[in-house]
Amino acid sequence: MKEFSKEVYLKWYEDMTMWRRFEDKCRSLYLKQKIRGFLHLYNGQEAIPAGFTHAMDLTKDSMITAYRCHIHPMAMGVDPKRIMAELCGKATGTSGGMGGSMHIFSKEHRFYGGHGIVGGQIPLGAGIAFADKFFDRKAVNICFFGDGAARQGSLHETFNMAMNWKLPVVFVVENNQYAMGTSVKRTANHEDIYKLGLGYEMPCLAVDAMDPEKVAEAAYEAIERARRGDGPTFIEARTYRFRGHSMSDAEPYRSKDEVAIAKKDDPIELIKARILENNWATEEELEATDNKSRDFVEECIEFMENSPYPTAEKVYEYVYSQENYPFLDKLEN
C-alpha cells in the first residue's frame, strides 16, 4: 500500500474539507428548495471514502453504496460540479438530472450508485464482483451499506453466495450508530455487527472509521485478499454522522451532548492535528486550503445554476430500450 506521506495527508485534508463544505452547501440549497426530495448528508463519515480510495486501484476497482452517496463518487474521481448539478436536477448532472440525491452514478469511474432501497445494493455489489471474476478483471468491488441495511435478509443470502464462490468483494457496513432514528443496540442481541460474517467463515473485523489511516490499513488487507482470489471480507466501519438521518430528521432519539462528544473525534480535525504535529503545513497554509475548498464549492454552485434542466422529451428516453415500442405511438397520438 502507498505510504501515509505528507502528500497523502495534505490531499486528505483538502478533499475532506471540500466534501464537508460541499454537503453544508447542499443543506443550504435544500432549505432554499433548489434540491428537492430527500437529502442524506455525510458529515462526520469522511474518513471512510478517504481511507478506502487510498487502498484501492482506481483504474479498475469499483464501488457501490446506499443513498448517502454524494461523497463516495467524488472520492472515486467524479467531478463534484456534475454531482451538484444532479442534486439540483440539471441536465449536466451525473444521471442527466433524473436521478437526484439518492442516485448518483458514474460508469466511467466505476461508481454504481446510489440506491434508495435499503440493502438493495448488497446483492448488486456481489453481482459486480461475480462479473469481475468471470471476466478475470483482477478488480474488486467495495460494497457499502448502513447499519440498518445489515438487518436485511438479502445480506445473508449474499454473504453465503459470495463466500461459496469466493467473489472479489469487500462488504463494508458504515455503522454510524443509528438506522434512521433507531440505535444499533436496539436492533439486535449484540452490537458487534461485523460478527455477522462469522456464520459464513468470512474474515471480518471492526475498525475505527474516524481515522482514514486505520480505514486504509483494513481496506488494503481486505482488497488484496479479494484480488488474489481468497474471497470477501466484512468490515464494520465504526463512525458517527454529525447531522440527522435526512433533512427531515428532528433527531429526537439523541441529545445534543452526545453529538458534541462525537464531534471531538471529527476526522478532519484529526487529519489537521497530524499535519501540524509533523510540520507538514502551517495554520496559514491549511487556512488557504480551506479557502480554496470554499471557492471550489461556489464554482460547483455556479456550474449548477448555469446548467439547463432536462427537456420534457427526456422523460421517456431511458424507459424503453426498444426505440419503436408500441406504447410510444399512443403517447405521440
C-alpha atoms as a PDB file:
ATOM      1  CA  MET A   1       0.000   0.000   0.000  1.00  0.00           C
ATOM      2  CA  LYS A   2       1.093   3.571  -0.642  1.00  0.00           C
ATOM      3  CA  GLU A   3       2.695   5.101   2.443  1.00  0.00           C
ATOM      4  CA  PHE A   4       0.906   7.692   4.565  1.00  0.00           C
ATOM      5  CA  SER A   5       3.099  10.547   3.394  1.00  0.00           C
ATOM      6  CA  LYS A   6       2.884  14.299   3.724  1.00  0.00           C
ATOM      7  CA  GLU A   7       1.302  14.459   0.262  1.00  0.00           C
ATOM      8  CA  VAL A   8      -1.362  11.915   1.229  1.00  0.00           C
ATOM      9  CA  TYR A   9      -2.285  13.819   4.375  1.00  0.00           C
ATOM     10  CA  LEU A  10      -2.461  17.154   2.583  1.00  0.00           C
ATOM     11  CA  LYS A  11      -4.683  15.609  -0.095  1.00  0.00           C
ATOM     12  CA  TRP A  12      -6.898  14.039   2.561  1.00  0.00           C
ATOM     13  CA  TYR A  13      -7.253  17.397   4.271  1.00  0.00           C
ATOM     14  CA  GLU A  14      -8.068  19.184   1.016  1.00  0.00           C
ATOM     15  CA  ASP A  15     -10.561  16.515  -0.075  1.00  0.00           C
ATOM     16  CA  MET A  16     -12.285  16.100   3.263  1.00  0.00           C
ATOM     17  CA  THR A  17     -12.687  19.827   3.894  1.00  0.00           C
ATOM     18  CA  MET A  18     -14.138  20.242   0.397  1.00  0.00           C
ATOM     19  CA  TRP A  19     -16.515  17.320   0.940  1.00  0.00           C
ATOM     20  CA  ARG A  20     -17.713  18.821   4.230  1.00  0.00           C
ATOM     21  CA  ARG A  21     -18.247  22.259   2.699  1.00  0.00           C
ATOM     22  CA  PHE A  22     -19.981  20.718  -0.314  1.00  0.00           C
ATOM     23  CA  GLU A  23     -22.514  18.986   1.905  1.00  0.00           C
ATOM     24  CA  ASP A  24     -23.013  22.019   4.135  1.00  0.00           C
ATOM     25  CA  LYS A  25     -23.836  23.995   0.999  1.00  0.00           C
ATOM     26  CA  CYS A  26     -26.210  21.231  -0.100  1.00  0.00           C
ATOM     27  CA  ARG A  27     -28.078  21.698   3.152  1.00  0.00           C
ATOM     28  CA  SER A  28     -28.431  25.401   2.367  1.00  0.00           C
ATOM     29  CA  LEU A  29     -29.652  24.661  -1.169  1.00  0.00           C
ATOM     30  CA  TYR A  30     -32.188  22.199   0.195  1.00  0.00           C
ATOM     31  CA  LEU A  31     -33.611  24.823   2.543  1.00  0.00           C
ATOM     32  CA  LYS A  32     -33.886  27.131  -0.488  1.00  0.00           C
ATOM     33  CA  GLN A  33     -35.769  24.318  -2.304  1.00  0.00           C
ATOM     34  CA  LYS A  34     -33.153  24.091  -5.042  1.00  0.00           C
ATOM     35  CA  ILE A  35     -32.580  20.479  -4.012  1.00  0.00           C
ATOM     36  CA  ARG A  36     -35.865  18.596  -3.783  1.00  0.00           C
ATOM     37  CA  GLY A  37     -36.950  15.225  -2.432  1.00  0.00           C
ATOM     38  CA  PHE A  38     -34.613  13.565   0.061  1.00  0.00           C
ATOM     39  CA  LEU A  39     -31.155  14.654   1.159  1.00  0.00           C
ATOM     40  CA  HIS A  40     -28.927  12.482   3.353  1.00  0.00           C
ATOM     41  CA  LEU A  41     -25.702  14.181   4.472  1.00  0.00           C
ATOM     42  CA  TYR A  42     -22.394  12.502   5.265  1.00  0.00           C
ATOM     43  CA  ASN A  43     -20.814  14.893   7.780  1.00  0.00           C
ATOM     44  CA  GLY A  44     -18.525  13.017  10.166  1.00  0.00           C
ATOM     45  CA  GLN A  45     -18.008   9.950   7.977  1.00  0.00           C
ATOM     46  CA  GLU A  46     -15.455  11.398   5.525  1.00  0.00           C
ATOM     47  CA  ALA A  47     -12.561   9.212   6.717  1.00  0.00           C
ATOM     48  CA  ILE A  48     -14.197   6.125   5.173  1.00  0.00           C
ATOM     49  CA  PRO A  49     -14.021   7.027   1.455  1.00  0.00           C
ATOM     50  CA  ALA A  50     -10.680   8.771   2.062  1.00  0.00           C
ATOM     51  CA  GLY A  51      -9.180   5.602   3.519  1.00  0.00           C
ATOM     52  CA  PHE A  52     -10.731   3.181   1.059  1.00  0.00           C
ATOM     53  CA  THR A  53      -9.752   5.050  -2.099  1.00  0.00           C
ATOM     54  CA  HIS A  54      -6.181   5.247  -0.760  1.00  0.00           C
ATOM     55  CA  ALA A  55      -6.113   1.433  -0.690  1.00  0.00           C
ATOM     56  CA  MET A  56      -7.998   0.812  -3.952  1.00  0.00           C
ATOM     57  CA  ASP A  57      -6.789   0.595  -7.531  1.00  0.00           C
ATOM     58  CA  LEU A  58      -8.952   3.315  -9.046  1.00  0.00           C
ATOM     59  CA  THR A  59      -8.099   2.176 -12.567  1.00  0.00           C
ATOM     60  CA  LYS A  60     -10.212  -0.980 -12.169  1.00  0.00           C
ATOM     61  CA  ASP A  61     -11.840  -1.353  -8.740  1.00  0.00           C
ATOM     62  CA  SER A  62     -15.481  -0.323  -8.323  1.00  0.00           C
ATOM     63  CA  MET A  63     -17.792   0.952  -5.615  1.00  0.00           C
ATOM     64  CA  ILE A  64     -21.491   0.774  -4.803  1.00  0.00           C
ATOM     65  CA  THR A  65     -23.368   2.276  -1.859  1.00  0.00           C
ATOM     66  CA  ALA A  66     -26.736   3.371  -0.486  1.00  0.00           C
ATOM     67  CA  TYR A  67     -28.495   6.731  -0.733  1.00  0.00           C
ATOM     68  CA  ARG A  68     -25.994   8.732   1.386  1.00  0.00           C
ATOM     69  CA  CYS A  69     -23.963   8.847  -1.777  1.00  0.00           C
ATOM     70  CA  HIS A  70     -22.553  12.291  -2.626  1.00  0.00           C
ATOM     71  CA  ILE A  71     -19.030  11.909  -1.222  1.00  0.00           C
ATOM     72  CA  HIS A  72     -18.150   8.394  -2.405  1.00  0.00           C
ATOM     73  CA  PRO A  73     -18.223   9.280  -6.129  1.00  0.00           C
ATOM     74  CA  MET A  74     -16.090  12.378  -5.514  1.00  0.00           C
ATOM     75  CA  ALA A  75     -13.511  10.127  -3.870  1.00  0.00           C
ATOM     76  CA  MET A  76     -13.664   7.897  -6.959  1.00  0.00           C
ATOM     77  CA  GLY A  77     -12.907  10.855  -9.226  1.00  0.00           C
ATOM     78  CA  VAL A  78     -16.343  12.032 -10.343  1.00  0.00           C
ATOM     79  CA  ASP A  79     -16.495  15.795 -10.986  1.00  0.00           C
ATOM     80  CA  PRO A  80     -18.211  17.458  -7.957  1.00  0.00           C
ATOM     81  CA  LYS A  81     -19.750  20.021 -10.323  1.00  0.00           C
ATOM     82  CA  ARG A  82     -21.695  17.268 -12.059  1.00  0.00           C
ATOM     83  CA  ILE A  83     -22.764  15.859  -8.686  1.00  0.00           C
ATOM     84  CA  MET A  84     -24.053  19.271  -7.634  1.00  0.00           C
ATOM     85  CA  ALA A  85     -25.927  19.543 -10.931  1.00  0.00           C
ATOM     86  CA  GLU A  86     -27.501  16.117 -10.379  1.00  0.00           C
ATOM     87  CA  LEU A  87     -28.593  17.077  -6.878  1.00  0.00           C
ATOM     88  CA  CYS A  88     -30.462  20.039  -8.346  1.00  0.00           C
ATOM     89  CA  GLY A  89     -31.968  18.097 -11.242  1.00  0.00           C
ATOM     90  CA  LYS A  90     -29.906  19.711 -14.004  1.00  0.00           C
ATOM     91  CA  ALA A  91     -29.141  18.126 -17.383  1.00  0.00           C
ATOM     92  CA  THR A  92     -25.381  18.305 -16.759  1.00  0.00           C
ATOM     93  CA  GLY A  93     -25.716  16.004 -13.739  1.00  0.00           C
ATOM     94  CA  THR A  94     -24.253  12.519 -13.472  1.00  0.00           C
ATOM     95  CA  SER A  95     -27.619  10.970 -14.393  1.00  0.00           C
ATOM     96  CA  GLY A  96     -28.822  13.802 -16.608  1.00  0.00           C
ATOM     97  CA  GLY A  97     -30.714  15.368 -13.727  1.00  0.00           C
ATOM     98  CA  MET A  98     -33.120  12.430 -13.448  1.00  0.00           C
ATOM     99  CA  GLY A  99     -31.563  10.583 -10.528  1.00  0.00           C
ATOM    100  CA  GLY A 100     -31.214  13.241  -7.882  1.00  0.00           C
ATOM    101  CA  SER A 101     -29.612  12.968  -4.462  1.00  0.00           C
ATOM    102  CA  MET A 102     -30.047   9.232  -3.946  1.00  0.00           C
ATOM    103  CA  HIS A 103     -28.983   8.058  -7.405  1.00  0.00           C
ATOM    104  CA  ILE A 104     -25.539   9.425  -8.230  1.00  0.00           C
ATOM    105  CA  PHE A 105     -23.921   7.140 -10.832  1.00  0.00           C
ATOM    106  CA  SER A 106     -20.807   7.099 -12.996  1.00  0.00           C
ATOM    107  CA  LYS A 107     -19.972   4.221 -15.322  1.00  0.00           C
ATOM    108  CA  GLU A 108     -16.726   5.992 -16.297  1.00  0.00           C
ATOM    109  CA  HIS A 109     -15.442   5.980 -12.711  1.00  0.00           C
ATOM    110  CA  ARG A 110     -16.992   2.591 -11.823  1.00  0.00           C
ATOM    111  CA  PHE A 111     -19.284   4.110  -9.226  1.00  0.00           C
ATOM    112  CA  TYR A 112     -22.515   2.145  -9.493  1.00  0.00           C
ATOM    113  CA  GLY A 113     -24.871   4.115  -7.247  1.00  0.00           C
ATOM    114  CA  GLY A 114     -26.645   5.489  -5.081  1.00  0.00           C
ATOM    115  CA  HIS A 115     -29.506   3.063  -4.191  1.00  0.00           C
ATOM    116  CA  GLY A 116     -32.712   4.075  -2.446  1.00  0.00           C
ATOM    117  CA  ILE A 117     -33.810   0.568  -1.435  1.00  0.00           C
ATOM    118  CA  VAL A 118     -32.342  -0.255   1.984  1.00  0.00           C
ATOM    119  CA  GLY A 119     -29.797  -3.014   1.434  1.00  0.00           C
ATOM    120  CA  GLY A 120     -30.637  -3.253  -2.266  1.00  0.00           C
ATOM    121  CA  GLN A 121     -27.013  -2.673  -3.232  1.00  0.00           C
ATOM    122  CA  ILE A 122     -25.658  -5.643  -1.239  1.00  0.00           C
ATOM    123  CA  PRO A 123     -26.507  -8.377  -3.786  1.00  0.00           C
ATOM    124  CA  LEU A 124     -25.668  -5.946  -6.608  1.00  0.00           C
ATOM    125  CA  GLY A 125     -22.159  -5.471  -5.207  1.00  0.00           C
ATOM    126  CA  ALA A 126     -21.691  -9.232  -5.204  1.00  0.00           C
ATOM    127  CA  GLY A 127     -23.024  -9.305  -8.763  1.00  0.00           C
ATOM    128  CA  ILE A 128     -20.429  -6.787  -9.910  1.00  0.00           C
ATOM    129  CA  ALA A 129     -17.763  -8.902  -8.208  1.00  0.00           C
ATOM    130  CA  PHE A 130     -19.112 -12.012  -9.944  1.00  0.00           C
ATOM    131  CA  ALA A 131     -18.675 -10.254 -13.306  1.00  0.00           C
ATOM    132  CA  ASP A 132     -15.150  -9.175 -12.347  1.00  0.00           C
ATOM    133  CA  LYS A 133     -14.256 -12.771 -11.524  1.00  0.00           C
ATOM    134  CA  PHE A 134     -15.982 -14.189 -14.608  1.00  0.00           C
ATOM    135  CA  PHE A 135     -14.089 -11.846 -16.947  1.00  0.00           C
ATOM    136  CA  ASP A 136     -10.853 -12.136 -14.916  1.00  0.00           C
ATOM    137  CA  ARG A 137     -10.512  -8.368 -14.488  1.00  0.00           C
ATOM    138  CA  LYS A 138      -8.442  -8.644 -11.282  1.00  0.00           C
ATOM    139  CA  ALA A 139     -10.776  -5.972  -9.909  1.00  0.00           C
ATOM    140  CA  VAL A 140     -12.513  -5.689  -6.534  1.00  0.00           C
ATOM    141  CA  ASN A 141     -15.898  -4.221  -5.661  1.00  0.00           C
ATOM    142  CA  ILE A 142     -16.340  -2.216  -2.456  1.00  0.00           C
ATOM    143  CA  CYS A 143     -19.936  -2.592  -1.302  1.00  0.00           C
ATOM    144  CA  PHE A 144     -21.045  -0.065   1.334  1.00  0.00           C
ATOM    145  CA  PHE A 145     -24.267  -0.168   3.335  1.00  0.00           C
ATOM    146  CA  GLY A 146     -25.593   1.174   6.622  1.00  0.00           C
ATOM    147  CA  ASP A 147     -26.183  -0.497   9.968  1.00  0.00           C
ATOM    148  CA  GLY A 148     -29.918  -0.605   9.242  1.00  0.00           C
ATOM    149  CA  ALA A 149     -29.317  -2.497   5.989  1.00  0.00           C
ATOM    150  CA  ALA A 150     -27.243  -5.064   7.907  1.00  0.00           C
ATOM    151  CA  ARG A 151     -30.570  -6.415   9.217  1.00  0.00           C
ATOM    152  CA  GLN A 152     -31.887  -7.242   5.729  1.00  0.00           C
ATOM    153  CA  GLY A 153     -32.248 -10.883   4.754  1.00  0.00           C
ATOM    154  CA  SER A 154     -30.555 -10.262   1.418  1.00  0.00           C
ATOM    155  CA  LEU A 155     -27.281  -9.704   3.300  1.00  0.00           C
ATOM    156  CA  HIS A 156     -27.253 -13.320   4.493  1.00  0.00           C
ATOM    157  CA  GLU A 157     -28.082 -14.750   1.071  1.00  0.00           C
ATOM    158  CA  THR A 158     -25.361 -12.601  -0.480  1.00  0.00           C
ATOM    159  CA  PHE A 159     -22.738 -13.433   2.155  1.00  0.00           C
ATOM    160  CA  ASN A 160     -23.388 -17.132   1.654  1.00  0.00           C
ATOM    161  CA  MET A 161     -23.020 -16.956  -2.137  1.00  0.00           C
ATOM    162  CA  ALA A 162     -20.032 -14.603  -2.013  1.00  0.00           C
ATOM    163  CA  MET A 163     -18.123 -16.964   0.273  1.00  0.00           C
ATOM    164  CA  ASN A 164     -19.176 -20.064  -1.639  1.00  0.00           C
ATOM    165  CA  TRP A 165     -17.925 -18.579  -4.917  1.00  0.00           C
ATOM    166  CA  LYS A 166     -15.009 -16.628  -3.361  1.00  0.00           C
ATOM    167  CA  LEU A 167     -16.126 -13.402  -5.015  1.00  0.00           C
ATOM    168  CA  PRO A 168     -13.738 -10.395  -5.077  1.00  0.00           C
ATOM    169  CA  VAL A 169     -15.875  -8.080  -2.946  1.00  0.00           C
ATOM    170  CA  VAL A 170     -15.352  -6.181   0.310  1.00  0.00           C
ATOM    171  CA  PHE A 171     -18.557  -5.645   2.272  1.00  0.00           C
ATOM    172  CA  VAL A 172     -18.481  -2.539   4.475  1.00  0.00           C
ATOM    173  CA  VAL A 173     -21.161  -1.593   6.975  1.00  0.00           C
ATOM    174  CA  GLU A 174     -20.869   2.124   7.733  1.00  0.00           C
ATOM    175  CA  ASN A 175     -22.055   1.874  11.317  1.00  0.00           C
ATOM    176  CA  ASN A 176     -22.945   5.463  12.208  1.00  0.00           C
ATOM    177  CA  GLN A 177     -24.814   4.179  15.281  1.00  0.00           C
ATOM    178  CA  TYR A 178     -28.360   4.879  14.048  1.00  0.00           C
ATOM    179  CA  ALA A 179     -30.600   3.285  11.421  1.00  0.00           C
ATOM    180  CA  MET A 180     -32.676   6.394  10.765  1.00  0.00           C
ATOM    181  CA  GLY A 181     -33.606   7.015  14.408  1.00  0.00           C
ATOM    182  CA  THR A 182     -33.095   3.534  15.845  1.00  0.00           C
ATOM    183  CA  SER A 183     -29.845   2.883  17.691  1.00  0.00           C
ATOM    184  CA  VAL A 184     -27.813  -0.217  16.896  1.00  0.00           C
ATOM    185  CA  LYS A 185     -28.204  -1.529  20.451  1.00  0.00           C
ATOM    186  CA  ARG A 186     -31.998  -1.729  19.954  1.00  0.00           C
ATOM    187  CA  THR A 187     -31.926  -3.761  16.724  1.00  0.00           C
ATOM    188  CA  ALA A 188     -30.165  -6.971  17.730  1.00  0.00           C
ATOM    189  CA  ASN A 189     -28.912  -9.034  20.664  1.00  0.00           C
ATOM    190  CA  HIS A 190     -25.350  -7.824  20.042  1.00  0.00           C
ATOM    191  CA  GLU A 191     -23.749  -4.563  18.887  1.00  0.00           C
ATOM    192  CA  ASP A 192     -20.778  -6.081  17.035  1.00  0.00           C
ATOM    193  CA  ILE A 193     -22.228  -6.081  13.524  1.00  0.00           C
ATOM    194  CA  TYR A 194     -19.035  -7.444  11.978  1.00  0.00           C
ATOM    195  CA  LYS A 195     -19.674 -10.774  13.726  1.00  0.00           C
ATOM    196  CA  LEU A 196     -22.426 -11.491  11.186  1.00  0.00           C
ATOM    197  CA  GLY A 197     -19.579 -12.622   8.925  1.00  0.00           C
ATOM    198  CA  LEU A 198     -18.588 -15.409  11.346  1.00  0.00           C
ATOM    199  CA  GLY A 199     -21.573 -17.547  10.392  1.00  0.00           C
ATOM    200  CA  TYR A 200     -20.155 -17.817   6.875  1.00  0.00           C
ATOM    201  CA  GLU A 201     -16.498 -18.124   7.959  1.00  0.00           C
ATOM    202  CA  MET A 202     -15.951 -14.786   6.267  1.00  0.00           C
ATOM    203  CA  PRO A 203     -12.948 -12.785   7.529  1.00  0.00           C
ATOM    204  CA  CYS A 204     -14.459  -9.905   9.474  1.00  0.00           C
ATOM    205  CA  LEU A 205     -13.342  -7.089  11.732  1.00  0.00           C
ATOM    206  CA  ALA A 206     -14.296  -3.719  13.194  1.00  0.00           C
ATOM    207  CA  VAL A 207     -12.253  -0.587  12.513  1.00  0.00           C
ATOM    208  CA  ASP A 208     -12.144   2.946  13.928  1.00  0.00           C
ATOM    209  CA  ALA A 209     -13.593   4.731  10.921  1.00  0.00           C
ATOM    210  CA  MET A 210     -12.912   8.235  12.219  1.00  0.00           C
ATOM    211  CA  ASP A 211      -9.255   7.707  11.228  1.00  0.00           C
ATOM    212  CA  PRO A 212      -8.501   7.311   7.489  1.00  0.00           C
ATOM    213  CA  GLU A 213      -5.191   5.579   8.230  1.00  0.00           C
ATOM    214  CA  LYS A 214      -6.899   2.773  10.130  1.00  0.00           C
ATOM    215  CA  VAL A 215      -9.576   2.548   7.455  1.00  0.00           C
ATOM    216  CA  ALA A 216      -6.936   2.315   4.700  1.00  0.00           C
ATOM    217  CA  GLU A 217      -4.987  -0.415   6.507  1.00  0.00           C
ATOM    218  CA  ALA A 218      -8.071  -2.586   6.979  1.00  0.00           C
ATOM    219  CA  ALA A 219      -9.249  -1.848   3.442  1.00  0.00           C
ATOM    220  CA  TYR A 220      -5.928  -2.742   1.836  1.00  0.00           C
ATOM    221  CA  GLU A 221      -5.719  -6.129   3.537  1.00  0.00           C
ATOM    222  CA  ALA A 222      -9.297  -6.963   2.525  1.00  0.00           C
ATOM    223  CA  ILE A 223      -8.855  -5.738  -1.058  1.00  0.00           C
ATOM    224  CA  GLU A 224      -5.667  -7.718  -1.581  1.00  0.00           C
ATOM    225  CA  ARG A 225      -7.306 -10.839  -0.155  1.00  0.00           C
ATOM    226  CA  ALA A 226     -10.140 -10.441  -2.654  1.00  0.00           C
ATOM    227  CA  ARG A 227      -7.808  -9.666  -5.554  1.00  0.00           C
ATOM    228  CA  ARG A 228      -5.728 -12.822  -5.095  1.00  0.00           C
ATOM    229  CA  GLY A 229      -8.869 -14.963  -5.165  1.00  0.00           C
ATOM    230  CA  ASP A 230      -9.408 -15.660  -1.463  1.00  0.00           C
ATOM    231  CA  GLY A 231     -12.887 -14.163  -1.367  1.00  0.00           C
ATOM    232  CA  PRO A 232     -14.724 -11.440   0.542  1.00  0.00           C
ATOM    233  CA  THR A 233     -14.144  -9.646   3.838  1.00  0.00           C
ATOM    234  CA  PHE A 234     -16.727  -7.941   6.040  1.00  0.00           C
ATOM    235  CA  ILE A 235     -15.585  -4.679   7.658  1.00  0.00           C
ATOM    236  CA  GLU A 236     -17.585  -2.790  10.253  1.00  0.00           C
ATOM    237  CA  ALA A 237     -16.538   0.856   9.872  1.00  0.00           C
ATOM    238  CA  ARG A 238     -17.469   2.432  13.199  1.00  0.00           C
ATOM    239  CA  THR A 239     -18.267   6.071  12.599  1.00  0.00           C
ATOM    240  CA  TYR A 240     -20.809   8.740  13.553  1.00  0.00           C
ATOM    241  CA  ARG A 241     -22.955  11.081  11.493  1.00  0.00           C
ATOM    242  CA  PHE A 242     -22.990  14.619  12.803  1.00  0.00           C
ATOM    243  CA  ARG A 243     -26.293  15.552  11.151  1.00  0.00           C
ATOM    244  CA  GLY A 244     -29.677  13.844  11.102  1.00  0.00           C
ATOM    245  CA  HIS A 245     -30.587  10.837   9.011  1.00  0.00           C
ATOM    246  CA  SER A 246     -32.014  13.194   6.410  1.00  0.00           C
ATOM    247  CA  MET A 247     -33.090  16.823   6.239  1.00  0.00           C
ATOM    248  CA  SER A 248     -36.485  15.892   7.700  1.00  0.00           C
ATOM    249  CA  ASP A 249     -34.923  14.339  10.817  1.00  0.00           C
ATOM    250  CA  ALA A 250     -35.505  16.341  14.019  1.00  0.00           C
ATOM    251  CA  GLU A 251     -33.188  13.926  15.897  1.00  0.00           C
ATOM    252  CA  PRO A 252     -35.375  13.269  18.975  1.00  0.00           C
ATOM    253  CA  TYR A 253     -33.506   9.988  19.591  1.00  0.00           C
ATOM    254  CA  ARG A 254     -30.183  11.556  20.659  1.00  0.00           C
ATOM    255  CA  SER A 255     -29.051  14.501  22.733  1.00  0.00           C
ATOM    256  CA  LYS A 256     -27.003  17.500  21.656  1.00  0.00           C
ATOM    257  CA  ASP A 257     -24.432  16.483  24.264  1.00  0.00           C
ATOM    258  CA  GLU A 258     -23.996  13.105  22.577  1.00  0.00           C
ATOM    259  CA  VAL A 259     -23.365  14.755  19.210  1.00  0.00           C
ATOM    260  CA  ALA A 260     -20.949  17.253  20.788  1.00  0.00           C
ATOM    261  CA  ILE A 261     -18.927  14.430  22.337  1.00  0.00           C
ATOM    262  CA  ALA A 262     -18.807  12.605  18.983  1.00  0.00           C
ATOM    263  CA  LYS A 263     -17.561  15.744  17.242  1.00  0.00           C
ATOM    264  CA  LYS A 264     -14.441  15.646  19.403  1.00  0.00           C
ATOM    265  CA  ASP A 265     -13.366  12.788  17.109  1.00  0.00           C
ATOM    266  CA  ASP A 266     -14.004  14.771  13.931  1.00  0.00           C
ATOM    267  CA  PRO A 267     -11.842  13.072  11.245  1.00  0.00           C
ATOM    268  CA  ILE A 268     -10.981  16.414   9.643  1.00  0.00           C
ATOM    269  CA  GLU A 269      -9.643  17.768  12.920  1.00  0.00           C
ATOM    270  CA  LEU A 270      -7.647  14.554  13.393  1.00  0.00           C
ATOM    271  CA  ILE A 271      -6.008  14.995   9.989  1.00  0.00           C
ATOM    272  CA  LYS A 272      -5.313  18.655  10.694  1.00  0.00           C
ATOM    273  CA  ALA A 273      -3.689  17.847  14.042  1.00  0.00           C
ATOM    274  CA  ARG A 274      -1.368  15.254  12.482  1.00  0.00           C
ATOM    275  CA  ILE A 275      -0.346  17.644   9.717  1.00  0.00           C
ATOM    276  CA  LEU A 276       0.546  20.338  12.231  1.00  0.00           C
ATOM    277  CA  GLU A 277       2.254  17.857  14.556  1.00  0.00           C
ATOM    278  CA  ASN A 278       4.533  16.686  11.716  1.00  0.00           C
ATOM    279  CA  ASN A 279       5.153  20.235  10.461  1.00  0.00           C
ATOM    280  CA  TRP A 280       3.769  19.289   7.042  1.00  0.00           C
ATOM    281  CA  ALA A 281       1.929  22.613   6.811  1.00  0.00           C
ATOM    282  CA  THR A 282       1.272  25.729   8.863  1.00  0.00           C
ATOM    283  CA  GLU A 283      -2.040  27.003  10.171  1.00  0.00           C
ATOM    284  CA  GLU A 284      -1.931  29.682   7.475  1.00  0.00           C
ATOM    285  CA  GLU A 285      -1.387  27.111   4.707  1.00  0.00           C
ATOM    286  CA  LEU A 286      -4.270  24.987   5.950  1.00  0.00           C
ATOM    287  CA  GLU A 287      -6.456  28.075   6.104  1.00  0.00           C
ATOM    288  CA  ALA A 288      -5.564  28.718   2.466  1.00  0.00           C
ATOM    289  CA  THR A 289      -6.691  25.167   1.699  1.00  0.00           C
ATOM    290  CA  ASP A 290      -9.982  25.875   3.488  1.00  0.00           C
ATOM    291  CA  ASN A 291     -10.484  28.978   1.369  1.00  0.00           C
ATOM    292  CA  LYS A 292      -9.680  27.007  -1.781  1.00  0.00           C
ATOM    293  CA  SER A 293     -12.330  24.446  -0.826  1.00  0.00           C
ATOM    294  CA  ARG A 294     -14.864  27.191  -0.182  1.00  0.00           C
ATOM    295  CA  ASP A 295     -14.169  28.809  -3.555  1.00  0.00           C
ATOM    296  CA  PHE A 296     -14.405  25.494  -5.394  1.00  0.00           C
ATOM    297  CA  VAL A 297     -17.796  24.694  -3.868  1.00  0.00           C
ATOM    298  CA  GLU A 298     -19.013  28.095  -5.071  1.00  0.00           C
ATOM    299  CA  GLU A 299     -17.773  27.134  -8.542  1.00  0.00           C
ATOM    300  CA  CYS A 300     -19.858  23.964  -8.293  1.00  0.00           C
ATOM    301  CA  ILE A 301     -22.938  26.038  -7.486  1.00  0.00           C
ATOM    302  CA  GLU A 302     -22.227  28.441 -10.348  1.00  0.00           C
ATOM    303  CA  PHE A 303     -21.906  25.480 -12.739  1.00  0.00           C
ATOM    304  CA  MET A 304     -25.222  24.115 -11.486  1.00  0.00           C
ATOM    305  CA  GLU A 305     -27.005  27.470 -11.752  1.00  0.00           C
ATOM    306  CA  ASN A 306     -25.806  27.941 -15.339  1.00  0.00           C
ATOM    307  CA  SER A 307     -26.888  24.445 -16.385  1.00  0.00           C
ATOM    308  CA  PRO A 308     -30.276  23.794 -18.047  1.00  0.00           C
ATOM    309  CA  TYR A 309     -32.966  21.453 -16.809  1.00  0.00           C
ATOM    310  CA  PRO A 310     -33.601  18.305 -18.887  1.00  0.00           C
ATOM    311  CA  THR A 311     -36.111  18.749 -21.696  1.00  0.00           C
ATOM    312  CA  ALA A 312     -39.560  17.184 -21.409  1.00  0.00           C
ATOM    313  CA  GLU A 313     -38.680  14.723 -24.171  1.00  0.00           C
ATOM    314  CA  LYS A 314     -36.137  13.074 -21.846  1.00  0.00           C
ATOM    315  CA  VAL A 315     -38.954  11.612 -19.729  1.00  0.00           C
ATOM    316  CA  TYR A 316     -39.301   8.533 -21.962  1.00  0.00           C
ATOM    317  CA  GLU A 317     -35.757   8.301 -23.298  1.00  0.00           C
ATOM    318  CA  TYR A 318     -34.424   5.853 -20.716  1.00  0.00           C
ATOM    319  CA  VAL A 319     -37.614   3.905 -20.048  1.00  0.00           C
ATOM    320  CA  TYR A 320     -37.780   1.663 -23.135  1.00  0.00           C
ATOM    321  CA  SER A 321     -34.770   0.059 -24.809  1.00  0.00           C
ATOM    322  CA  GLN A 322     -36.828  -0.624 -27.949  1.00  0.00           C
ATOM    323  CA  GLU A 323     -36.988   2.580 -29.986  1.00  0.00           C
ATOM    324  CA  ASN A 324     -40.275   1.712 -31.717  1.00  0.00           C
ATOM    325  CA  TYR A 325     -42.012   0.409 -28.614  1.00  0.00           C
ATOM    326  CA  PRO A 326     -45.788   0.370 -29.424  1.00  0.00           C
ATOM    327  CA  PHE A 327     -46.815   2.359 -26.361  1.00  0.00           C
ATOM    328  CA  LEU A 328     -44.875   5.360 -27.611  1.00  0.00           C
ATOM    329  CA  ASP A 329     -47.161   5.638 -30.633  1.00  0.00           C
ATOM    330  CA  LYS A 330     -50.136   6.155 -28.324  1.00  0.00           C
ATOM    331  CA  LEU A 331     -48.270   8.896 -26.474  1.00  0.00           C
ATOM    332  CA  GLU A 332     -47.467  10.742 -29.704  1.00  0.00           C
ATOM    333  CA  ASN A 333     -51.093  10.493 -30.825  1.00  0.00           C
END
